[in-house]
Amino acid sequence: MKNFFFTTISYNDYVLGKTKINVAEFLKNEFILVTGIANSKNLVNYLKSKNAKFNHYQFKDHHNYTKNQIDKFVKSNKNILTTEKDYVKLTTFKIQRLFSIGIEIKFIEGEKFFIEILNKQLKIN
């Protein structure tokens, strides 16, 4: 018998950069959103649902950022928000006002049962 488990994602209630800032506090100021992921629609919709004001620079998945692109973002003198994946790439440019927002996987139902199955497979008591 196969078991199916349904999950969803939720965004962290904080952003991380050189400091950790509550999302509500971070979103009080206009910022630049930079994404290089396959589908940024969920993140954009989440930010819009929070009434965030931002300019979105959307790139293809696995985009290799250039210094010219980074200079354009930094020149705006605004905070830059990105995904955890792109944050790793962008930190090589030593951007002062760079932040990332993370996601968590949440079970819609059946989390306890999933953990029981996993523990049994891994032989953990």
Protein backbone atom coordinates (compact mmCIF):
# COMPACT_ATOMS: atom_id res chain seq x y z
CA MET A 1 0.00 0.00 0.00
CA LYS A 2 1.31 3.42 -0.93
CA ASN A 3 0.79 6.38 1.34
CA PHE A 4 0.33 9.91 0.08
CA PHE A 5 1.11 13.00 2.10
CA PHE A 6 0.15 16.51 1.12
CA THR A 7 2.27 19.49 2.02
CA THR A 8 2.36 23.19 1.38
CA ILE A 9 4.97 25.87 1.84
CA SER A 10 4.85 28.84 4.14
CA TYR A 11 7.23 31.75 4.30
CA ASN A 12 9.25 32.48 7.42
CA ASP A 13 8.07 35.37 9.56
CA TYR A 14 11.54 36.93 9.35
CA VAL A 15 14.16 37.82 6.75
CA LEU A 16 17.86 37.16 7.21
CA GLY A 17 20.79 39.30 6.21
CA LYS A 18 23.49 40.68 8.43
CA THR A 19 20.64 40.88 10.94
CA LYS A 20 17.37 39.03 11.44
CA ILE A 21 14.33 41.28 10.86
CA ASN A 22 10.65 40.54 11.34
CA VAL A 23 8.92 40.38 7.92
CA ALA A 24 6.28 42.95 8.91
CA GLU A 25 9.02 45.39 9.91
CA PHE A 26 11.06 44.72 6.75
CA LEU A 27 8.05 45.25 4.48
CA LYS A 28 7.38 48.75 5.84
CA ASN A 29 9.96 50.11 3.37
CA GLU A 30 10.05 49.73 -0.39
CA PHE A 31 12.62 47.18 -1.56
CA ILE A 32 13.92 45.31 -4.58
CA LEU A 33 12.96 41.66 -5.06
CA VAL A 34 15.49 39.61 -7.04
CA THR A 35 14.55 36.07 -8.07
CA GLY A 36 16.27 33.49 -10.22
CA ILE A 37 13.88 30.60 -9.62
CA ALA A 38 11.59 28.61 -11.90
CA ASN A 39 8.40 30.18 -10.56
CA SER A 40 8.39 33.27 -8.36
CA LYS A 41 4.60 33.65 -8.49
CA ASN A 42 3.99 32.29 -4.96
CA LEU A 43 6.57 34.61 -3.43
CA VAL A 44 5.28 37.64 -5.34
CA ASN A 45 1.68 36.85 -4.34
CA TYR A 46 2.74 36.41 -0.71
CA LEU A 47 4.49 39.79 -0.68
CA LYS A 48 1.53 41.49 -2.39
CA SER A 49 -0.82 39.97 0.20
CA LYS A 50 1.28 41.78 2.81
CA ASN A 51 0.88 45.07 0.87
CA ALA A 52 4.61 45.20 0.19
CA LYS A 53 5.98 47.82 -2.19
CA PHE A 54 8.76 46.44 -4.36
CA ASN A 55 10.32 46.33 -7.80
CA HIS A 56 10.75 42.77 -9.01
CA TYR A 57 13.72 41.72 -11.13
CA GLN A 58 12.93 38.22 -12.33
CA PHE A 59 15.56 36.00 -13.94
CA LYS A 60 15.52 32.45 -15.26
CA ASP A 61 16.16 29.57 -12.89
CA HIS A 62 19.87 29.13 -12.03
CA HIS A 63 20.72 32.60 -13.34
CA ASN A 64 24.35 33.69 -13.03
CA TYR A 65 24.26 37.29 -11.86
CA THR A 66 26.63 39.84 -13.34
CA LYS A 67 28.36 42.75 -11.65
CA ASN A 68 26.39 45.18 -13.86
CA GLN A 69 23.09 43.71 -12.66
CA ILE A 70 24.20 43.89 -9.04
CA ASP A 71 25.39 47.48 -9.44
CA LYS A 72 21.93 48.42 -10.75
CA PHE A 73 20.25 46.93 -7.65
CA VAL A 74 22.71 48.47 -5.21
CA LYS A 75 22.48 51.90 -6.87
CA SER A 76 18.81 52.09 -5.81
CA ASN A 77 19.96 52.31 -2.17
CA LYS A 78 17.07 50.02 -1.16
CA ASN A 79 17.07 46.72 0.67
CA ILE A 80 17.31 43.73 -1.65
CA LEU A 81 15.20 40.66 -0.88
CA THR A 82 15.81 37.30 -2.52
CA THR A 83 15.28 33.58 -2.02
CA GLU A 84 17.61 31.47 0.10
CA LYS A 85 18.99 29.88 -3.08
CA ASP A 86 19.80 33.21 -4.73
CA TYR A 87 21.08 34.66 -1.46
CA VAL A 88 23.97 32.18 -1.57
CA LYS A 89 24.89 33.33 -5.09
CA LEU A 90 24.47 37.03 -4.33
CA THR A 91 26.59 37.02 -1.15
CA THR A 92 29.69 36.67 -3.34
CA PHE A 93 29.06 40.29 -4.42
CA LYS A 94 29.25 41.52 -0.78
CA ILE A 95 25.98 43.49 -0.97
CA GLN A 96 25.39 45.41 2.26
CA ARG A 97 21.57 45.46 2.25
CA LEU A 98 20.91 41.89 1.07
CA PHE A 99 18.24 39.76 2.77
CA SER A 100 16.64 36.39 2.12
CA ILE A 101 13.26 34.95 3.00
CA GLY A 102 13.09 31.25 3.69
CA ILE A 103 10.32 28.72 3.35
CA GLU A 104 9.10 25.88 5.50
CA ILE A 105 7.34 22.73 4.36
CA LYS A 106 4.14 22.13 6.31
CA PHE A 107 1.97 19.05 6.25
CA ILE A 108 -1.66 19.67 5.43
CA GLU A 109 -2.42 16.47 7.35
CA GLY A 110 -0.73 13.21 8.32
CA GLU A 111 2.56 14.57 9.67
CA LYS A 112 2.53 12.28 12.72
CA PHE A 113 1.86 9.21 10.55
CA PHE A 114 4.63 10.24 8.13
CA ILE A 115 7.12 10.50 11.00
CA GLU A 116 6.07 7.07 12.31
CA ILE A 117 6.69 5.52 8.87
CA LEU A 118 10.00 7.34 8.52
CA ASN A 119 11.15 6.24 11.99
CA LYS A 120 10.17 2.64 11.21
CA GLN A 121 12.11 2.72 7.93
CA LEU A 122 15.13 4.22 9.68
CA LYS A 123 14.61 1.91 12.67
CA ILE A 124 14.46 4.81 15.12
CA ASN A 125 12.44 4.36 18.31
